[in-house]
Amino acid sequence: MVFCSDSEEILSGVLVLWPGDGLFLAEEHLKEFANAYSISENYLKHEIPLAKNLLQKESQPHASLVLFLSFIAPYKS
C-alpha cells in the first residue's frame, strides 16, 4: 500500500503520540504532523514540555493512545 506524503506525516505523528513509543512526544517528529493540522511549531515548543511535565507527575502509566488522550482531555484549554 502506498501513502501520500501527508498520510505518512500524519501516521508518523500519531505514532509519537503513543506513550509506549521510544520517541513519545519527540518534537522533531511532531512538526509535520502539526503542520498538517495547522498547528504552529512555536505552539508545539511550549506545549510539549508542559505535557511531558504533567505526565511525569502522573503515577499511572499511559499504555495506550486512548488512555493518554483521556488523561489530557481535561487540559485541552
C-alpha atoms as a PDB file:
ATOM      1  CA  MET A   1       0.000   0.000   0.000  1.00  0.00           C
ATOM      2  CA  VAL A   2       1.326   3.435  -0.907  1.00  0.00           C
ATOM      3  CA  PHE A   3       0.525   6.515   1.152  1.00  0.00           C
ATOM      4  CA  CYS A   4       0.816  10.110   0.052  1.00  0.00           C
ATOM      5  CA  SER A   5       3.396  12.167   1.933  1.00  0.00           C
ATOM      6  CA  ASP A   6       0.692  13.873   4.029  1.00  0.00           C
ATOM      7  CA  SER A   7      -0.599  10.496   5.192  1.00  0.00           C
ATOM      8  CA  GLU A   8       2.899   9.359   6.141  1.00  0.00           C
ATOM      9  CA  GLU A   9       3.439  12.525   8.193  1.00  0.00           C
ATOM     10  CA  ILE A  10       0.125  12.070   9.988  1.00  0.00           C
ATOM     11  CA  LEU A  11       0.785   8.391  10.714  1.00  0.00           C
ATOM     12  CA  SER A  12       4.292   9.191  11.948  1.00  0.00           C
ATOM     13  CA  GLY A  13       2.854  11.921  14.183  1.00  0.00           C
ATOM     14  CA  VAL A  14       0.261   9.569  15.622  1.00  0.00           C
ATOM     15  CA  LEU A  15       2.993   7.053  16.425  1.00  0.00           C
ATOM     16  CA  VAL A  16       4.912   9.535  18.596  1.00  0.00           C
ATOM     17  CA  LEU A  17       1.692  10.270  20.479  1.00  0.00           C
ATOM     18  CA  TRP A  18       1.651   6.663  21.670  1.00  0.00           C
ATOM     19  CA  PRO A  19       3.078   6.614  25.218  1.00  0.00           C
ATOM     20  CA  GLY A  20       4.822   3.288  24.621  1.00  0.00           C
ATOM     21  CA  ASP A  21       6.897   4.612  21.716  1.00  0.00           C
ATOM     22  CA  GLY A  22      10.544   5.476  22.320  1.00  0.00           C
ATOM     23  CA  LEU A  23      10.003   8.772  20.502  1.00  0.00           C
ATOM     24  CA  PHE A  24       6.948   9.722  22.575  1.00  0.00           C
ATOM     25  CA  LEU A  25       6.277  13.461  22.152  1.00  0.00           C
ATOM     26  CA  ALA A  26       9.513  13.979  20.210  1.00  0.00           C
ATOM     27  CA  GLU A  27       9.147  17.488  18.831  1.00  0.00           C
ATOM     28  CA  GLU A  28      11.086  16.838  15.630  1.00  0.00           C
ATOM     29  CA  HIS A  29       8.672  14.031  14.729  1.00  0.00           C
ATOM     30  CA  LEU A  30       5.571  16.056  15.556  1.00  0.00           C
ATOM     31  CA  LYS A  31       6.369  19.081  13.376  1.00  0.00           C
ATOM     32  CA  GLU A  32       4.994  17.705  10.107  1.00  0.00           C
ATOM     33  CA  PHE A  33       2.006  16.221  11.918  1.00  0.00           C
ATOM     34  CA  ALA A  34       1.296  19.610  13.490  1.00  0.00           C
ATOM     35  CA  ASN A  35       1.679  21.357  10.143  1.00  0.00           C
ATOM     36  CA  ALA A  36      -0.909  19.005   8.612  1.00  0.00           C
ATOM     37  CA  TYR A  37      -3.373  20.286  11.229  1.00  0.00           C
ATOM     38  CA  SER A  38      -2.255  23.935  11.032  1.00  0.00           C
ATOM     39  CA  ILE A  39      -0.638  23.915  14.483  1.00  0.00           C
ATOM     40  CA  SER A  40       2.322  26.239  14.736  1.00  0.00           C
ATOM     41  CA  GLU A  41       5.744  24.881  15.619  1.00  0.00           C
ATOM     42  CA  ASN A  42       6.032  27.665  18.202  1.00  0.00           C
ATOM     43  CA  TYR A  43       2.930  26.337  19.941  1.00  0.00           C
ATOM     44  CA  LEU A  44       4.462  22.850  19.980  1.00  0.00           C
ATOM     45  CA  LYS A  45       7.661  24.166  21.576  1.00  0.00           C
ATOM     46  CA  HIS A  46       5.614  25.420  24.522  1.00  0.00           C
ATOM     47  CA  GLU A  47       3.067  22.627  24.842  1.00  0.00           C
ATOM     48  CA  ILE A  48       5.312  19.552  24.562  1.00  0.00           C
ATOM     49  CA  PRO A  49       7.395  20.336  27.673  1.00  0.00           C
ATOM     50  CA  LEU A  50       4.190  21.074  29.609  1.00  0.00           C
ATOM     51  CA  ALA A  51       2.686  17.740  28.559  1.00  0.00           C
ATOM     52  CA  LYS A  52       5.862  15.857  29.476  1.00  0.00           C
ATOM     53  CA  ASN A  53       5.978  17.569  32.874  1.00  0.00           C
ATOM     54  CA  LEU A  54       2.328  16.750  33.515  1.00  0.00           C
ATOM     55  CA  LEU A  55       2.881  13.109  32.609  1.00  0.00           C
ATOM     56  CA  GLN A  56       5.932  12.812  34.869  1.00  0.00           C
ATOM     57  CA  LYS A  57       3.774  13.822  37.825  1.00  0.00           C
ATOM     58  CA  GLU A  58       1.159  11.185  36.981  1.00  0.00           C
ATOM     59  CA  SER A  59       1.554   7.897  38.829  1.00  0.00           C
ATOM     60  CA  GLN A  60      -0.413   5.806  36.307  1.00  0.00           C
ATOM     61  CA  PRO A  61       1.436   4.855  33.117  1.00  0.00           C
ATOM     62  CA  HIS A  62      -0.494   5.541  29.920  1.00  0.00           C
ATOM     63  CA  ALA A  63      -0.183   2.316  27.972  1.00  0.00           C
ATOM     64  CA  SER A  64      -2.304   3.375  25.016  1.00  0.00           C
ATOM     65  CA  LEU A  65      -3.112   6.418  22.944  1.00  0.00           C
ATOM     66  CA  VAL A  66      -6.740   6.260  24.127  1.00  0.00           C
ATOM     67  CA  LEU A  67      -5.691   6.363  27.802  1.00  0.00           C
ATOM     68  CA  PHE A  68      -3.258   9.184  27.081  1.00  0.00           C
ATOM     69  CA  LEU A  69      -5.927  11.213  25.285  1.00  0.00           C
ATOM     70  CA  SER A  70      -8.410  10.559  28.094  1.00  0.00           C
ATOM     71  CA  PHE A  71      -5.838  11.757  30.596  1.00  0.00           C
ATOM     72  CA  ILE A  72      -5.027  15.018  28.785  1.00  0.00           C
ATOM     73  CA  ALA A  73      -8.634  15.831  27.737  1.00  0.00           C
ATOM     74  CA  PRO A  74      -9.340  17.987  30.834  1.00  0.00           C
ATOM     75  CA  TYR A  75      -6.278  20.125  29.975  1.00  0.00           C
ATOM     76  CA  LYS A  76      -7.268  20.884  26.376  1.00  0.00           C
ATOM     77  CA  SER A  77      -7.763  24.586  27.000  1.00  0.00           C
END
